[in-house]
Amino acid sequence: MKKILIIQGNPVSPSYNGAIAEAYRKGAVQAGAEVRMITLNELEFNMNLEGGYRNKLPLEPDLLEAQEAIKWAEHLVWVFPIWWGGPPALFKGFIDRIFMPGYAFKYHKGKLFPDQLLKGRTARMITTMDGPNWYYKWFQGEPAHKMMKISTFALTGIKPVRITPVDLVGKQSEEQRKKWLEKIEQLGRKLG
């Protein structure tokens, strides 16, 4: 039984991201996976990495539980909107606070690259945006996708990482939104 953790990162509730996360969960459960879900706007934590890595804030109970859930999971599904080219502040603050040295990676003196402490996990990002994906990809350079895939997941050993962009969300009809939810549910059934 595959262990899947879905992290839903839209600070607005209810949201289309919430519906997407639920569609993926439904498909994965139908396929026999064990699924847990974290909805970031339900957690209580300071989004600001005050003190940086030198004077780390102690992690709040919700963040400790999130770290345990990530360690438990074999596959991570990250669902979040693209705002101004990147993820919402809540999402970025969550990453900053939990992907800490000693948990997600560990540097050693004299070594250029750190140990990847989250190796063995795979990921899928499902992102939503109001603009067209081709513009986000070719003109903006996919900054949120690259931030997560290269700067976060590659550094910590999570691979492969697949990306499902859902574009033109604000311009979609209800029928188009339903078709996307059906596609996402199928992704969940494929457990990838």
Protein backbone atom coordinates (compact mmCIF):
# COMPACT_ATOMS: atom_id res chain seq x y z
CA MET A 1 0.00 0.00 0.00
CA LYS A 2 1.50 3.30 -1.12
CA LYS A 3 1.69 6.07 1.49
CA ILE A 4 0.69 9.43 0.04
CA LEU A 5 0.70 12.83 1.73
CA ILE A 6 -1.22 15.67 0.09
CA ILE A 7 -0.23 19.21 1.11
CA GLN A 8 -2.87 21.77 0.10
CA GLY A 9 -1.30 25.22 0.16
CA ASN A 10 -4.01 27.72 -0.73
CA PRO A 11 -4.56 30.14 2.17
CA VAL A 12 -8.14 30.75 0.97
CA SER A 13 -10.87 28.33 2.00
CA PRO A 14 -12.89 26.98 0.31
CA SER A 15 -10.87 26.98 -2.90
CA TYR A 16 -10.47 25.17 -6.19
CA ASN A 17 -7.12 23.92 -4.81
CA GLY A 18 -9.07 22.24 -2.02
CA ALA A 19 -11.31 20.54 -4.59
CA ILE A 20 -8.22 19.43 -6.54
CA ALA A 21 -6.60 17.98 -3.41
CA GLU A 22 -9.83 16.13 -2.58
CA ALA A 23 -10.11 14.76 -6.15
CA TYR A 24 -6.55 13.41 -5.97
CA ARG A 25 -7.25 11.92 -2.52
CA LYS A 26 -10.39 10.22 -3.77
CA GLY A 27 -8.56 8.63 -6.71
CA ALA A 28 -5.62 7.48 -4.59
CA VAL A 29 -7.91 5.91 -1.98
CA GLN A 30 -9.79 4.10 -4.75
CA ALA A 31 -6.45 2.71 -5.92
CA GLY A 32 -5.74 1.35 -2.43
CA ALA A 33 -3.29 3.98 -1.17
CA GLU A 34 -3.08 5.14 2.41
CA VAL A 35 -3.58 8.91 2.23
CA ARG A 36 -3.05 11.72 4.69
CA MET A 37 -3.75 15.38 3.99
CA ILE A 38 -2.41 18.64 5.37
CA THR A 39 -4.31 21.86 4.70
CA LEU A 40 -1.90 24.67 5.42
CA ASN A 41 -4.49 27.30 6.31
CA GLU A 42 -5.69 25.06 9.15
CA LEU A 43 -2.25 24.92 10.80
CA GLU A 44 -1.02 27.27 13.50
CA PHE A 45 2.57 28.39 12.98
CA ASN A 46 4.74 31.45 12.49
CA MET A 47 5.42 31.72 8.74
CA ASN A 48 8.55 33.82 9.30
CA LEU A 49 11.85 31.99 9.72
CA GLU A 50 12.93 34.41 12.44
CA GLY A 51 16.58 34.04 13.29
CA GLY A 52 17.30 32.06 10.12
CA TYR A 53 19.14 28.77 10.59
CA ARG A 54 21.42 30.05 13.37
CA ASN A 55 18.76 30.96 15.93
CA LYS A 56 15.98 28.65 14.84
CA LEU A 57 12.54 29.04 16.31
CA PRO A 58 11.27 25.88 17.94
CA LEU A 59 8.77 24.18 15.66
CA GLU A 60 5.13 24.46 16.62
CA PRO A 61 3.20 21.17 17.17
CA ASP A 62 1.50 21.45 13.75
CA LEU A 63 4.90 21.72 12.03
CA LEU A 64 6.31 18.78 13.98
CA GLU A 65 3.31 16.72 12.86
CA ALA A 66 3.85 17.88 9.27
CA GLN A 67 7.50 16.78 9.40
CA GLU A 68 6.46 13.37 10.70
CA ALA A 69 3.89 13.04 7.93
CA ILE A 70 6.50 13.89 5.28
CA LYS A 71 8.88 11.29 6.74
CA TRP A 72 6.01 8.75 6.74
CA ALA A 73 5.07 9.38 3.08
CA GLU A 74 6.49 7.72 0.01
CA HIS A 75 4.83 10.18 -2.38
CA LEU A 76 4.15 13.88 -1.74
CA VAL A 77 1.46 15.78 -3.62
CA TRP A 78 1.75 19.56 -3.37
CA VAL A 79 -1.33 21.54 -4.46
CA PHE A 80 -1.01 25.33 -4.53
CA PRO A 81 -1.90 28.42 -6.55
CA ILE A 82 0.61 30.52 -8.45
CA TRP A 83 0.36 34.13 -7.25
CA TRP A 84 2.67 36.72 -8.80
CA GLY A 85 4.74 33.92 -10.31
CA GLY A 86 5.30 32.08 -7.02
CA PRO A 87 3.50 30.26 -4.25
CA PRO A 88 1.52 32.13 -1.59
CA ALA A 89 3.43 33.37 1.46
CA LEU A 90 1.77 30.73 3.66
CA PHE A 91 3.13 27.96 1.43
CA LYS A 92 6.63 29.47 1.27
CA GLY A 93 6.65 30.02 5.03
CA PHE A 94 5.73 26.35 5.57
CA ILE A 95 8.66 25.25 3.37
CA ASP A 96 11.05 27.66 5.11
CA ARG A 97 10.09 26.41 8.56
CA ILE A 98 10.02 22.63 8.05
CA PHE A 99 12.69 21.93 5.41
CA MET A 100 15.42 22.67 7.93
CA PRO A 101 19.04 21.51 8.12
CA GLY A 102 19.14 18.23 9.98
CA TYR A 103 15.64 17.31 8.81
CA ALA A 104 15.59 17.74 5.03
CA PHE A 105 19.33 18.10 4.30
CA LYS A 106 22.65 18.19 6.12
CA TYR A 107 25.82 19.98 5.10
CA HIS A 108 29.28 18.69 6.02
CA LYS A 109 32.45 20.75 6.18
CA GLY A 110 34.43 20.44 2.98
CA LYS A 111 31.50 19.08 0.95
CA LEU A 112 29.86 21.21 -1.70
CA PHE A 113 26.49 19.46 -1.63
CA PRO A 114 24.51 18.31 1.41
CA ASP A 115 23.24 14.88 2.34
CA GLN A 116 19.72 14.51 1.01
CA LEU A 117 17.70 13.39 4.01
CA LEU A 118 14.36 12.97 2.18
CA LYS A 119 15.64 10.52 -0.44
CA GLY A 120 13.30 7.75 -1.47
CA ARG A 121 10.27 10.00 -1.88
CA THR A 122 8.63 11.11 -5.09
CA ALA A 123 6.48 14.17 -5.67
CA ARG A 124 3.82 15.73 -7.84
CA MET A 125 3.02 19.42 -7.90
CA ILE A 126 -0.43 20.46 -9.02
CA THR A 127 -0.47 24.21 -9.49
CA THR A 128 -3.27 26.56 -10.47
CA MET A 129 -2.98 29.89 -12.20
CA ASP A 130 -5.28 32.41 -13.86
CA GLY A 131 -2.97 33.02 -16.82
CA PRO A 132 -2.02 30.61 -19.60
CA ASN A 133 0.61 27.99 -18.76
CA TRP A 134 2.55 28.75 -21.97
CA TYR A 135 3.08 32.32 -20.75
CA TYR A 136 4.12 31.14 -17.29
CA LYS A 137 6.54 28.64 -18.83
CA TRP A 138 8.09 30.56 -21.72
CA PHE A 139 7.93 34.19 -20.55
CA GLN A 140 8.10 33.94 -16.76
CA GLY A 141 10.37 30.88 -16.62
CA GLU A 142 8.20 28.84 -14.20
CA PRO A 143 9.72 30.34 -11.02
CA ALA A 144 7.52 28.45 -8.51
CA HIS A 145 7.97 25.14 -10.32
CA LYS A 146 11.74 25.64 -10.44
CA MET A 147 11.89 26.79 -6.82
CA MET A 148 10.23 23.60 -5.67
CA LYS A 149 11.73 21.09 -8.14
CA ILE A 150 15.31 22.34 -8.24
CA SER A 151 15.92 24.40 -5.11
CA THR A 152 13.82 22.36 -2.67
CA PHE A 153 13.21 18.83 -3.89
CA ALA A 154 16.54 18.23 -5.67
CA LEU A 155 18.47 19.54 -2.65
CA THR A 156 16.61 17.21 -0.29
CA GLY A 157 16.57 14.11 -2.53
CA ILE A 158 12.91 14.02 -3.57
CA LYS A 159 12.66 12.68 -7.12
CA PRO A 160 11.24 12.25 -9.63
CA VAL A 161 8.99 15.29 -9.50
CA ARG A 162 6.07 15.60 -11.89
CA ILE A 163 4.18 18.83 -12.49
CA THR A 164 0.54 19.27 -13.46
CA PRO A 165 -0.26 22.93 -14.21
CA VAL A 166 -3.94 23.86 -14.28
CA ASP A 167 -4.16 27.18 -16.09
CA LEU A 168 -6.79 29.78 -16.90
CA VAL A 169 -8.64 28.84 -13.71
CA GLY A 170 -10.51 32.14 -13.45
CA LYS A 171 -11.69 31.82 -17.03
CA GLN A 172 -12.84 28.18 -16.92
CA SER A 173 -16.49 27.21 -17.08
CA GLU A 174 -17.90 24.89 -14.43
CA GLU A 175 -17.76 22.08 -17.00
CA GLN A 176 -14.05 22.73 -17.64
CA ARG A 177 -13.35 22.75 -13.90
CA LYS A 178 -15.18 19.43 -13.49
CA LYS A 179 -13.13 17.91 -16.33
CA TRP A 180 -9.93 19.01 -14.58
CA LEU A 181 -11.12 17.44 -11.33
CA GLU A 182 -11.79 14.18 -13.20
CA LYS A 183 -8.24 14.29 -14.66
CA ILE A 184 -6.78 14.91 -11.19
CA GLU A 185 -8.79 12.01 -9.74
CA GLN A 186 -7.33 9.79 -12.49
CA LEU A 187 -3.83 10.94 -11.51
CA GLY A 188 -4.65 9.88 -7.96
CA ARG A 189 -5.76 6.45 -9.16
CA LYS A 190 -2.41 6.08 -10.94
CA LEU A 191 -0.71 6.86 -7.60
CA GLY A 192 1.71 9.24 -9.25
